[in-house]
PDB file of N, CA and C in Angstrom:
ATOM      1  N   MET A   1      -6.949 -50.221   2.066  1.00  0.00           N
ATOM      2  CA  MET A   1      -6.301 -50.159   3.379  1.00  0.00           C
ATOM      3  C   MET A   1      -4.990 -49.398   3.248  1.00  0.00           C
ATOM      4  N   MET A   2      -4.810 -48.438   4.106  1.00  0.00           N
ATOM      5  CA  MET A   2      -3.601 -47.640   4.146  1.00  0.00           C
ATOM      6  C   MET A   2      -2.492 -48.457   4.796  1.00  0.00           C
ATOM      7  N   ASP A   3      -1.291 -48.400   4.235  1.00  0.00           N
ATOM      8  CA  ASP A   3      -0.145 -49.074   4.849  1.00  0.00           C
ATOM      9  C   ASP A   3       0.281 -48.365   6.119  1.00  0.00           C
ATOM     10  N   ILE A   4       0.586 -49.127   7.139  1.00  0.00           N
ATOM     11  CA  ILE A   4       1.140 -48.580   8.372  1.00  0.00           C
ATOM     12  C   ILE A   4       2.539 -49.177   8.516  1.00  0.00           C
ATOM     13  N   GLN A   5       3.540 -48.309   8.451  1.00  0.00           N
ATOM     14  CA  GLN A   5       4.933 -48.754   8.518  1.00  0.00           C
ATOM     15  C   GLN A   5       5.314 -49.041   9.964  1.00  0.00           C
ATOM     16  N   LYS A   6       6.004 -50.160  10.173  1.00  0.00           N
ATOM     17  CA  LYS A   6       6.524 -50.457  11.506  1.00  0.00           C
ATOM     18  C   LYS A   6       7.917 -49.824  11.605  1.00  0.00           C
ATOM     19  N   ILE A   7       8.120 -48.984  12.609  1.00  0.00           N
ATOM     20  CA  ILE A   7       9.396 -48.293  12.799  1.00  0.00           C
ATOM     21  C   ILE A   7      10.143 -49.009  13.921  1.00  0.00           C
ATOM     22  N   GLU A   8      11.300 -49.596  13.573  1.00  0.00           N
ATOM     23  CA  GLU A   8      12.023 -50.414  14.546  1.00  0.00           C
ATOM     24  C   GLU A   8      13.464 -49.972  14.753  1.00  0.00           C
ATOM     25  N   THR A   9      13.926 -48.981  13.967  1.00  0.00           N
ATOM     26  CA  THR A   9      15.320 -48.550  14.078  1.00  0.00           C
ATOM     27  C   THR A   9      15.392 -47.029  14.133  1.00  0.00           C
ATOM     28  N   LEU A  10      16.495 -46.526  14.673  1.00  0.00           N
ATOM     29  CA  LEU A  10      16.684 -45.078  14.724  1.00  0.00           C
ATOM     30  C   LEU A  10      16.809 -44.464  13.328  1.00  0.00           C
ATOM     31  N   PRO A  11      17.514 -45.106  12.365  1.00  0.00           N
ATOM     32  CA  PRO A  11      17.525 -44.539  11.008  1.00  0.00           C
ATOM     33  C   PRO A  11      16.117 -44.452  10.398  1.00  0.00           C
ATOM     34  N   ALA A  12      15.270 -45.432  10.683  1.00  0.00           N
ATOM     35  CA  ALA A  12      13.891 -45.390  10.178  1.00  0.00           C
ATOM     36  C   ALA A  12      13.141 -44.218  10.806  1.00  0.00           C
ATOM     37  N   LEU A  13      13.397 -43.952  12.094  1.00  0.00           N
ATOM     38  CA  LEU A  13      12.767 -42.814  12.764  1.00  0.00           C
ATOM     39  C   LEU A  13      13.263 -41.498  12.153  1.00  0.00           C
ATOM     40  N   ASP A  14      14.568 -41.404  11.919  1.00  0.00           N
ATOM     41  CA  ASP A  14      15.132 -40.200  11.291  1.00  0.00           C
ATOM     42  C   ASP A  14      14.484 -39.949   9.931  1.00  0.00           C
ATOM     43  N   ASP A  15      14.314 -41.012   9.166  1.00  0.00           N
ATOM     44  CA  ASP A  15      13.689 -40.915   7.841  1.00  0.00           C
ATOM     45  C   ASP A  15      12.254 -40.410   7.965  1.00  0.00           C
ATOM     46  N   LEU A  16      11.536 -40.920   8.959  1.00  0.00           N
ATOM     47  CA  LEU A  16      10.151 -40.511   9.196  1.00  0.00           C
ATOM     48  C   LEU A  16      10.082 -39.013   9.531  1.00  0.00           C
ATOM     49  N   LEU A  17      10.956 -38.555  10.414  1.00  0.00           N
ATOM     50  CA  LEU A  17      10.979 -37.133  10.777  1.00  0.00           C
ATOM     51  C   LEU A  17      11.298 -36.268   9.553  1.00  0.00           C
ATOM     52  N   ALA A  18      12.216 -36.728   8.723  1.00  0.00           N
ATOM     53  CA  ALA A  18      12.557 -35.982   7.496  1.00  0.00           C
ATOM     54  C   ALA A  18      11.357 -35.922   6.554  1.00  0.00           C
ATOM     55  N   LYS A  19      10.642 -37.041   6.419  1.00  0.00           N
ATOM     56  CA  LYS A  19       9.473 -37.069   5.524  1.00  0.00           C
ATOM     57  C   LYS A  19       8.368 -36.138   6.012  1.00  0.00           C
ATOM     58  N   SER A  20       8.325 -35.886   7.331  1.00  0.00           N
ATOM     59  CA  SER A  20       7.266 -35.020   7.869  1.00  0.00           C
ATOM     60  C   SER A  20       7.437 -33.570   7.412  1.00  0.00           C
ATOM     61  N   LYS A  21       8.564 -33.242   6.816  1.00  0.00           N
ATOM     62  CA  LYS A  21       8.769 -31.897   6.261  1.00  0.00           C
ATOM     63  C   LYS A  21       8.015 -31.733   4.948  1.00  0.00           C
ATOM     64  N   GLU A  22       7.630 -32.875   4.341  1.00  0.00           N
ATOM     65  CA  GLU A  22       6.951 -32.847   3.048  1.00  0.00           C
ATOM     66  C   GLU A  22       5.486 -33.265   3.123  1.00  0.00           C
ATOM     67  N   THR A  23       5.158 -34.103   4.084  1.00  0.00           N
ATOM     68  CA  THR A  23       3.800 -34.646   4.178  1.00  0.00           C
ATOM     69  C   THR A  23       3.479 -34.944   5.638  1.00  0.00           C
ATOM     70  N   PRO A  24       2.201 -34.916   6.027  1.00  0.00           N
ATOM     71  CA  PRO A  24       1.868 -35.256   7.416  1.00  0.00           C
ATOM     72  C   PRO A  24       2.287 -36.692   7.750  1.00  0.00           C
ATOM     73  N   VAL A  25       2.824 -36.868   8.942  1.00  0.00           N
ATOM     74  CA  VAL A  25       3.226 -38.190   9.416  1.00  0.00           C
ATOM     75  C   VAL A  25       2.514 -38.459  10.735  1.00  0.00           C
ATOM     76  N   TRP A  26       1.780 -39.572  10.775  1.00  0.00           N
ATOM     77  CA  TRP A  26       1.087 -40.019  11.982  1.00  0.00           C
ATOM     78  C   TRP A  26       1.891 -41.157  12.596  1.00  0.00           C
ATOM     79  N   VAL A  27       2.178 -41.060  13.894  1.00  0.00           N
ATOM     80  CA  VAL A  27       2.906 -42.117  14.590  1.00  0.00           C
ATOM     81  C   VAL A  27       2.030 -42.631  15.728  1.00  0.00           C
ATOM     82  N   PHE A  28       1.918 -43.951  15.810  1.00  0.00           N
ATOM     83  CA  PHE A  28       1.192 -44.574  16.915  1.00  0.00           C
ATOM     84  C   PHE A  28       2.178 -45.379  17.739  1.00  0.00           C
ATOM     85  N   LYS A  29       2.282 -45.060  19.030  1.00  0.00           N
ATOM     86  CA  LYS A  29       3.123 -45.813  19.962  1.00  0.00           C
ATOM     87  C   LYS A  29       2.215 -46.797  20.698  1.00  0.00           C
ATOM     88  N   HIS A  30       2.515 -48.084  20.511  1.00  0.00           N
ATOM     89  CA  HIS A  30       1.619 -49.151  20.946  1.00  0.00           C
ATOM     90  C   HIS A  30       2.292 -50.050  21.976  1.00  0.00           C
ATOM     91  N   SER A  31       1.630 -50.235  23.114  1.00  0.00           N
ATOM     92  CA  SER A  31       2.063 -51.234  24.084  1.00  0.00           C
ATOM     93  C   SER A  31       1.342 -52.544  23.768  1.00  0.00           C
ATOM     94  N   LEU A  32       2.119 -53.583  23.528  1.00  0.00           N
ATOM     95  CA  LEU A  32       1.539 -54.877  23.132  1.00  0.00           C
ATOM     96  C   LEU A  32       0.827 -55.575  24.283  1.00  0.00           C
ATOM     97  N   THR A  33       0.986 -55.073  25.515  1.00  0.00           N
ATOM     98  CA  THR A  33       0.412 -55.764  26.669  1.00  0.00           C
ATOM     99  C   THR A  33      -0.730 -54.987  27.327  1.00  0.00           C
ATOM    100  N   CYS A  34      -1.074 -53.832  26.788  1.00  0.00           N
ATOM    101  CA  CYS A  34      -2.059 -52.962  27.440  1.00  0.00           C
ATOM    102  C   CYS A  34      -3.396 -52.979  26.694  1.00  0.00           C
ATOM    103  N   PRO A  35      -4.495 -53.309  27.388  1.00  0.00           N
ATOM    104  CA  PRO A  35      -5.798 -53.332  26.713  1.00  0.00           C
ATOM    105  C   PRO A  35      -6.241 -51.941  26.224  1.00  0.00           C
ATOM    106  N   ILE A  36      -5.880 -50.885  26.952  1.00  0.00           N
ATOM    107  CA  ILE A  36      -6.223 -49.527  26.494  1.00  0.00           C
ATOM    108  C   ILE A  36      -5.512 -49.261  25.162  1.00  0.00           C
ATOM    109  N   SER A  37      -4.255 -49.682  25.086  1.00  0.00           N
ATOM    110  CA  SER A  37      -3.490 -49.508  23.863  1.00  0.00           C
ATOM    111  C   SER A  37      -4.112 -50.311  22.718  1.00  0.00           C
ATOM    112  N   GLY A  38      -4.597 -51.507  23.028  1.00  0.00           N
ATOM    113  CA  GLY A  38      -5.251 -52.328  22.003  1.00  0.00           C
ATOM    114  C   GLY A  38      -6.468 -51.642  21.422  1.00  0.00           C
ATOM    115  N   ALA A  39      -7.266 -51.008  22.282  1.00  0.00           N
ATOM    116  CA  ALA A  39      -8.459 -50.291  21.818  1.00  0.00           C
ATOM    117  C   ALA A  39      -8.068 -49.073  20.982  1.00  0.00           C
ATOM    118  N   ALA A  40      -7.061 -48.339  21.441  1.00  0.00           N
ATOM    119  CA  ALA A  40      -6.611 -47.155  20.697  1.00  0.00           C
ATOM    120  C   ALA A  40      -6.007 -47.551  19.352  1.00  0.00           C
ATOM    121  N   TRP A  41      -5.273 -48.673  19.327  1.00  0.00           N
ATOM    122  CA  TRP A  41      -4.678 -49.180  18.081  1.00  0.00           C
ATOM    123  C   TRP A  41      -5.771 -49.511  17.067  1.00  0.00           C
ATOM    124  N   SER A  42      -6.858 -50.062  17.543  1.00  0.00           N
ATOM    125  CA  SER A  42      -7.992 -50.354  16.670  1.00  0.00           C
ATOM    126  C   SER A  42      -8.556 -49.065  16.054  1.00  0.00           C
ATOM    127  N   GLU A  43      -8.693 -48.032  16.865  1.00  0.00           N
ATOM    128  CA  GLU A  43      -9.180 -46.729  16.372  1.00  0.00           C
ATOM    129  C   GLU A  43      -8.198 -46.140  15.358  1.00  0.00           C
ATOM    130  N   PHE A  44      -6.900 -46.227  15.655  1.00  0.00           N
ATOM    131  CA  PHE A  44      -5.881 -45.677  14.759  1.00  0.00           C
ATOM    132  C   PHE A  44      -5.890 -46.405  13.418  1.00  0.00           C
ATOM    133  N   ARG A  45      -5.990 -47.747  13.463  1.00  0.00           N
ATOM    134  CA  ARG A  45      -6.038 -48.530  12.210  1.00  0.00           C
ATOM    135  C   ARG A  45      -7.261 -48.153  11.385  1.00  0.00           C
ATOM    136  N   GLN A  46      -8.395 -47.981  12.045  1.00  0.00           N
ATOM    137  CA  GLN A  46      -9.625 -47.589  11.345  1.00  0.00           C
ATOM    138  C   GLN A  46      -9.431 -46.208  10.709  1.00  0.00           C
ATOM    139  N   PHE A  47      -8.829 -45.289  11.445  1.00  0.00           N
ATOM    140  CA  PHE A  47      -8.547 -43.949  10.934  1.00  0.00           C
ATOM    141  C   PHE A  47      -7.639 -44.030   9.704  1.00  0.00           C
ATOM    142  N   ALA A  48      -6.562 -44.804   9.789  1.00  0.00           N
ATOM    143  CA  ALA A  48      -5.629 -44.927   8.664  1.00  0.00           C
ATOM    144  C   ALA A  48      -6.308 -45.560   7.455  1.00  0.00           C
ATOM    145  N   ALA A  49      -7.179 -46.527   7.696  1.00  0.00           N
ATOM    146  CA  ALA A  49      -7.874 -47.204   6.592  1.00  0.00           C
ATOM    147  C   ALA A  49      -8.819 -46.263   5.861  1.00  0.00           C
ATOM    148  N   ASN A  50      -9.382 -45.293   6.586  1.00  0.00           N
ATOM    149  CA  ASN A  50     -10.338 -44.358   5.989  1.00  0.00           C
ATOM    150  C   ASN A  50      -9.694 -43.045   5.588  1.00  0.00           C
ATOM    151  N   ALA A  51      -8.377 -42.994   5.598  1.00  0.00           N
ATOM    152  CA  ALA A  51      -7.687 -41.712   5.477  1.00  0.00           C
ATOM    153  C   ALA A  51      -7.326 -41.324   4.058  1.00  0.00           C
ATOM    154  N   SER A  52      -8.028 -41.858   3.074  1.00  0.00           N
ATOM    155  CA  SER A  52      -7.706 -41.493   1.697  1.00  0.00           C
ATOM    156  C   SER A  52      -7.856 -39.991   1.477  1.00  0.00           C
ATOM    157  N   ARG A  53      -8.668 -39.340   2.322  1.00  0.00           N
ATOM    158  CA  ARG A  53      -8.833 -37.892   2.190  1.00  0.00           C
ATOM    159  C   ARG A  53      -7.551 -37.144   2.569  1.00  0.00           C
ATOM    160  N   GLN A  54      -6.655 -37.817   3.265  1.00  0.00           N
ATOM    161  CA  GLN A  54      -5.363 -37.221   3.597  1.00  0.00           C
ATOM    162  C   GLN A  54      -4.315 -37.796   2.656  1.00  0.00           C
ATOM    163  N   ALA A  55      -4.435 -37.463   1.394  1.00  0.00           N
ATOM    164  CA  ALA A  55      -3.547 -38.031   0.386  1.00  0.00           C
ATOM    165  C   ALA A  55      -2.097 -37.742   0.732  1.00  0.00           C
ATOM    166  N   GLY A  56      -1.292 -38.782   0.649  1.00  0.00           N
ATOM    167  CA  GLY A  56       0.135 -38.623   0.858  1.00  0.00           C
ATOM    168  C   GLY A  56       0.587 -38.752   2.296  1.00  0.00           C
ATOM    169  N   ALA A  57      -0.333 -38.761   3.251  1.00  0.00           N
ATOM    170  CA  ALA A  57       0.065 -38.888   4.652  1.00  0.00           C
ATOM    171  C   ALA A  57       0.721 -40.244   4.889  1.00  0.00           C
ATOM    172  N   ILE A  58       1.624 -40.274   5.855  1.00  0.00           N
ATOM    173  CA  ILE A  58       2.329 -41.501   6.217  1.00  0.00           C
ATOM    174  C   ILE A  58       1.839 -41.931   7.598  1.00  0.00           C
ATOM    175  N   TYR A  59       1.642 -43.222   7.767  1.00  0.00           N
ATOM    176  CA  TYR A  59       1.186 -43.797   9.038  1.00  0.00           C
ATOM    177  C   TYR A  59       2.253 -44.764   9.532  1.00  0.00           C
ATOM    178  N   ALA A  60       2.637 -44.620  10.804  1.00  0.00           N
ATOM    179  CA  ALA A  60       3.722 -45.438  11.343  1.00  0.00           C
ATOM    180  C   ALA A  60       3.350 -45.986  12.713  1.00  0.00           C
ATOM    181  N   LEU A  61       3.958 -47.103  13.039  1.00  0.00           N
ATOM    182  CA  LEU A  61       3.724 -47.803  14.295  1.00  0.00           C
ATOM    183  C   LEU A  61       5.058 -48.043  14.995  1.00  0.00           C
ATOM    184  N   ILE A  62       5.108 -47.720  16.277  1.00  0.00           N
ATOM    185  CA  ILE A  62       6.243 -48.104  17.117  1.00  0.00           C
ATOM    186  C   ILE A  62       5.692 -49.022  18.198  1.00  0.00           C
ATOM    187  N   GLU A  63       6.130 -50.272  18.184  1.00  0.00           N
ATOM    188  CA  GLU A  63       5.734 -51.224  19.228  1.00  0.00           C
ATOM    189  C   GLU A  63       6.729 -51.055  20.370  1.00  0.00           C
ATOM    190  N   ILE A  64       6.254 -50.532  21.490  1.00  0.00           N
ATOM    191  CA  ILE A  64       7.115 -50.130  22.595  1.00  0.00           C
ATOM    192  C   ILE A  64       8.041 -51.270  23.028  1.00  0.00           C
ATOM    193  N   GLN A  65       7.495 -52.456  23.242  1.00  0.00           N
ATOM    194  CA  GLN A  65       8.300 -53.555  23.764  1.00  0.00           C
ATOM    195  C   GLN A  65       9.378 -54.012  22.775  1.00  0.00           C
ATOM    196  N   ARG A  66       9.160 -53.789  21.488  1.00  0.00           N
ATOM    197  CA  ARG A  66      10.106 -54.260  20.476  1.00  0.00           C
ATOM    198  C   ARG A  66      11.053 -53.162  20.007  1.00  0.00           C
ATOM    199  N   ALA A  67      10.727 -51.898  20.334  1.00  0.00           N
ATOM    200  CA  ALA A  67      11.537 -50.790  19.828  1.00  0.00           C
ATOM    201  C   ALA A  67      11.625 -49.665  20.859  1.00  0.00           C
ATOM    202  N   ARG A  68      11.962 -50.036  22.084  1.00  0.00           N
ATOM    203  CA  ARG A  68      12.020 -49.028  23.153  1.00  0.00           C
ATOM    204  C   ARG A  68      12.994 -47.890  22.841  1.00  0.00           C
ATOM    205  N   PRO A  69      14.195 -48.148  22.286  1.00  0.00           N
ATOM    206  CA  PRO A  69      15.098 -47.030  21.969  1.00  0.00           C
ATOM    207  C   PRO A  69      14.486 -46.058  20.952  1.00  0.00           C
ATOM    208  N   VAL A  70      13.706 -46.575  20.025  1.00  0.00           N
ATOM    209  CA  VAL A  70      13.046 -45.721  19.029  1.00  0.00           C
ATOM    210  C   VAL A  70      11.975 -44.873  19.711  1.00  0.00           C
ATOM    211  N   SER A  71      11.208 -45.487  20.610  1.00  0.00           N
ATOM    212  CA  SER A  71      10.185 -44.764  21.352  1.00  0.00           C
ATOM    213  C   SER A  71      10.811 -43.643  22.182  1.00  0.00           C
ATOM    214  N   THR A  72      11.906 -43.961  22.856  1.00  0.00           N
ATOM    215  CA  THR A  72      12.609 -42.978  23.680  1.00  0.00           C
ATOM    216  C   THR A  72      13.143 -41.840  22.810  1.00  0.00           C
ATOM    217  N   ALA A  73      13.728 -42.185  21.671  1.00  0.00           N
ATOM    218  CA  ALA A  73      14.279 -41.172  20.760  1.00  0.00           C
ATOM    219  C   ALA A  73      13.185 -40.248  20.233  1.00  0.00           C
ATOM    220  N   LEU A  74      12.013 -40.805  19.938  1.00  0.00           N
ATOM    221  CA  LEU A  74      10.907 -39.967  19.456  1.00  0.00           C
ATOM    222  C   LEU A  74      10.510 -38.967  20.540  1.00  0.00           C
ATOM    223  N   ALA A  75      10.437 -39.417  21.782  1.00  0.00           N
ATOM    224  CA  ALA A  75      10.100 -38.517  22.892  1.00  0.00           C
ATOM    225  C   ALA A  75      11.150 -37.413  23.011  1.00  0.00           C
ATOM    226  N   GLU A  76      12.415 -37.790  22.923  1.00  0.00           N
ATOM    227  CA  GLU A  76      13.495 -36.806  23.040  1.00  0.00           C
ATOM    228  C   GLU A  76      13.464 -35.804  21.888  1.00  0.00           C
ATOM    229  N   ARG A  77      13.253 -36.285  20.679  1.00  0.00           N
ATOM    230  CA  ARG A  77      13.325 -35.411  19.502  1.00  0.00           C
ATOM    231  C   ARG A  77      12.109 -34.515  19.323  1.00  0.00           C
ATOM    232  N   THR A  78      10.973 -34.930  19.894  1.00  0.00           N
ATOM    233  CA  THR A  78       9.754 -34.116  19.734  1.00  0.00           C
ATOM    234  C   THR A  78       9.436 -33.318  20.993  1.00  0.00           C
ATOM    235  N   GLY A  79      10.000 -33.702  22.126  1.00  0.00           N
ATOM    236  CA  GLY A  79       9.669 -33.045  23.383  1.00  0.00           C
ATOM    237  C   GLY A  79       8.344 -33.500  23.978  1.00  0.00           C
ATOM    238  N   VAL A  80       7.722 -34.517  23.386  1.00  0.00           N
ATOM    239  CA  VAL A  80       6.469 -35.055  23.913  1.00  0.00           C
ATOM    240  C   VAL A  80       6.806 -36.228  24.830  1.00  0.00           C
ATOM    241  N   PRO A  81       6.534 -36.099  26.128  1.00  0.00           N
ATOM    242  CA  PRO A  81       6.867 -37.189  27.056  1.00  0.00           C
ATOM    243  C   PRO A  81       6.211 -38.500  26.623  1.00  0.00           C
ATOM    244  N   HIS A  82       6.958 -39.590  26.796  1.00  0.00           N
ATOM    245  CA  HIS A  82       6.444 -40.906  26.385  1.00  0.00           C
ATOM    246  C   HIS A  82       5.221 -41.311  27.186  1.00  0.00           C
ATOM    247  N   GLU A  83       4.225 -41.779  26.462  1.00  0.00           N
ATOM    248  CA  GLU A  83       3.083 -42.483  27.041  1.00  0.00           C
ATOM    249  C   GLU A  83       2.731 -43.585  26.059  1.00  0.00           C
ATOM    250  N   SER A  84       2.007 -44.569  26.511  1.00  0.00           N
ATOM    251  CA  SER A  84       1.462 -45.542  25.563  1.00  0.00           C
ATOM    252  C   SER A  84       0.107 -45.999  26.084  1.00  0.00           C
ATOM    253  N   PRO A  85      -0.848 -46.033  25.200  1.00  0.00           N
ATOM    254  CA  PRO A  85      -0.722 -45.682  23.791  1.00  0.00           C
ATOM    255  C   PRO A  85      -0.585 -44.172  23.604  1.00  0.00           C
ATOM    256  N   GLN A  86      -0.051 -43.825  22.440  1.00  0.00           N
ATOM    257  CA  GLN A  86       0.135 -42.414  22.121  1.00  0.00           C
ATOM    258  C   GLN A  86       0.055 -42.249  20.610  1.00  0.00           C
ATOM    259  N   ALA A  87      -0.641 -41.212  20.175  1.00  0.00           N
ATOM    260  CA  ALA A  87      -0.697 -40.866  18.754  1.00  0.00           C
ATOM    261  C   ALA A  87      -0.104 -39.473  18.599  1.00  0.00           C
ATOM    262  N   ILE A  88       0.757 -39.331  17.599  1.00  0.00           N
ATOM    263  CA  ILE A  88       1.437 -38.056  17.347  1.00  0.00           C
ATOM    264  C   ILE A  88       1.329 -37.731  15.867  1.00  0.00           C
ATOM    265  N   LEU A  89       0.952 -36.502  15.581  1.00  0.00           N
ATOM    266  CA  LEU A  89       0.928 -36.007  14.203  1.00  0.00           C
ATOM    267  C   LEU A  89       2.112 -35.062  14.038  1.00  0.00           C
ATOM    268  N   LEU A  90       2.975 -35.386  13.077  1.00  0.00           N
ATOM    269  CA  LEU A  90       4.151 -34.556  12.797  1.00  0.00           C
ATOM    270  C   LEU A  90       3.950 -33.806  11.488  1.00  0.00           C
ATOM    271  N   ARG A  91       4.272 -32.516  11.530  1.00  0.00           N
ATOM    272  CA  ARG A  91       4.302 -31.689  10.321  1.00  0.00           C
ATOM    273  C   ARG A  91       5.560 -30.841  10.397  1.00  0.00           C
ATOM    274  N   ASN A  92       6.336 -30.804   9.331  1.00  0.00           N
ATOM    275  CA  ASN A  92       7.579 -30.019   9.306  1.00  0.00           C
ATOM    276  C   ASN A  92       8.504 -30.402  10.472  1.00  0.00           C
ATOM    277  N   ALA A  93       8.590 -31.693  10.756  1.00  0.00           N
ATOM    278  CA  ALA A  93       9.437 -32.244  11.817  1.00  0.00           C
ATOM    279  C   ALA A  93       9.068 -31.702  13.203  1.00  0.00           C
ATOM    280  N   GLN A  94       7.852 -31.183  13.340  1.00  0.00           N
ATOM    281  CA  GLN A  94       7.356 -30.665  14.614  1.00  0.00           C
ATOM    282  C   GLN A  94       6.055 -31.386  14.971  1.00  0.00           C
ATOM    283  N   VAL A  95       5.747 -31.418  16.253  1.00  0.00           N
ATOM    284  CA  VAL A  95       4.494 -32.028  16.702  1.00  0.00           C
ATOM    285  C   VAL A  95       3.356 -31.044  16.451  1.00  0.00           C
ATOM    286  N   ALA A  96       2.404 -31.453  15.616  1.00  0.00           N
ATOM    287  CA  ALA A  96       1.227 -30.625  15.327  1.00  0.00           C
ATOM    288  C   ALA A  96       0.073 -30.969  16.277  1.00  0.00           C
ATOM    289  N   TRP A  97       0.085 -32.224  16.775  1.00  0.00           N
ATOM    290  CA  TRP A  97      -1.000 -32.704  17.639  1.00  0.00           C
ATOM    291  C   TRP A  97      -0.528 -33.993  18.286  1.00  0.00           C
ATOM    292  N   HIS A  98      -0.995 -34.254  19.497  1.00  0.00           N
ATOM    293  CA  HIS A  98      -0.744 -35.560  20.110  1.00  0.00           C
ATOM    294  C   HIS A  98      -1.822 -35.851  21.156  1.00  0.00           C
ATOM    295  N   ALA A  99      -2.005 -37.126  21.412  1.00  0.00           N
ATOM    296  CA  ALA A  99      -2.979 -37.571  22.407  1.00  0.00           C
ATOM    297  C   ALA A  99      -2.514 -38.918  22.947  1.00  0.00           C
ATOM    298  N   SER A 100      -3.083 -39.289  24.097  1.00  0.00           N
ATOM    299  CA  SER A 100      -2.748 -40.593  24.655  1.00  0.00           C
ATOM    300  C   SER A 100      -3.987 -41.236  25.271  1.00  0.00           C
ATOM    301  N   HIS A 101      -3.858 -42.510  25.526  1.00  0.00           N
ATOM    302  CA  HIS A 101      -4.884 -43.311  26.187  1.00  0.00           C
ATOM    303  C   HIS A 101      -6.270 -43.131  25.553  1.00  0.00           C
ATOM    304  N   TYR A 102      -7.275 -42.815  26.380  1.00  0.00           N
ATOM    305  CA  TYR A 102      -8.652 -42.766  25.876  1.00  0.00           C
ATOM    306  C   TYR A 102      -8.911 -41.564  24.969  1.00  0.00           C
ATOM    307  N   GLU A 103      -7.959 -40.629  24.899  1.00  0.00           N
ATOM    308  CA  GLU A 103      -8.122 -39.481  23.995  1.00  0.00           C
ATOM    309  C   GLU A 103      -7.887 -39.875  22.538  1.00  0.00           C
ATOM    310  N   ILE A 104      -7.372 -41.075  22.324  1.00  0.00           N
ATOM    311  CA  ILE A 104      -7.116 -41.549  20.959  1.00  0.00           C
ATOM    312  C   ILE A 104      -8.376 -42.258  20.474  1.00  0.00           C
ATOM    313  N   ASN A 105      -9.141 -41.574  19.658  1.00  0.00           N
ATOM    314  CA  ASN A 105     -10.335 -42.167  19.071  1.00  0.00           C
ATOM    315  C   ASN A 105     -10.532 -41.574  17.687  1.00  0.00           C
ATOM    316  N   LEU A 106     -11.395 -42.208  16.931  1.00  0.00           N
ATOM    317  CA  LEU A 106     -11.607 -41.821  15.533  1.00  0.00           C
ATOM    318  C   LEU A 106     -11.958 -40.323  15.406  1.00  0.00           C
ATOM    319  N   THR A 107     -12.829 -39.834  16.254  1.00  0.00           N
ATOM    320  CA  THR A 107     -13.254 -38.433  16.194  1.00  0.00           C
ATOM    321  C   THR A 107     -12.072 -37.496  16.423  1.00  0.00           C
ATOM    322  N   ALA A 108     -11.281 -37.763  17.447  1.00  0.00           N
ATOM    323  CA  ALA A 108     -10.136 -36.915  17.758  1.00  0.00           C
ATOM    324  C   ALA A 108      -9.106 -36.944  16.639  1.00  0.00           C
ATOM    325  N   LEU A 109      -8.853 -38.131  16.096  1.00  0.00           N
ATOM    326  CA  LEU A 109      -7.887 -38.275  15.006  1.00  0.00           C
ATOM    327  C   LEU A 109      -8.346 -37.497  13.775  1.00  0.00           C
ATOM    328  N   GLU A 110      -9.620 -37.611  13.455  1.00  0.00           N
ATOM    329  CA  GLU A 110     -10.138 -36.907  12.276  1.00  0.00           C
ATOM    330  C   GLU A 110     -10.102 -35.395  12.470  1.00  0.00           C
ATOM    331  N   ARG A 111     -10.334 -34.926  13.688  1.00  0.00           N
ATOM    332  CA  ARG A 111     -10.273 -33.481  13.965  1.00  0.00           C
ATOM    333  C   ARG A 111      -8.865 -32.942  13.807  1.00  0.00           C
ATOM    334  N   ALA A 112      -7.876 -33.760  14.220  1.00  0.00           N
ATOM    335  CA  ALA A 112      -6.472 -33.314  14.172  1.00  0.00           C
ATOM    336  C   ALA A 112      -6.048 -33.134  12.725  1.00  0.00           C
TER     337      ALA A 112
END
């Protein structure tokens, strides 16, 4: 099982963006109260668990209700408007791919 880091502070977000200059970073923005988000979170976890083929990639979780300032900062720093659920792939501190809601599924994640 691949570790998924919970990002709860702005310094942790800054660290994540810096790490994306060296390795792919996947971020999942999760609403704890939304059933669509629950389904997408399940797909993301399955993707991360099977992601040994992406050696060195980092997987992160932002729980919207518990880390709203972090979620807002990610939107501001990447230029990707906030949605939840939302999956974002960062490479070189830039957004390489993103999707939201029903577009977040195992097939789409693997293609990205």
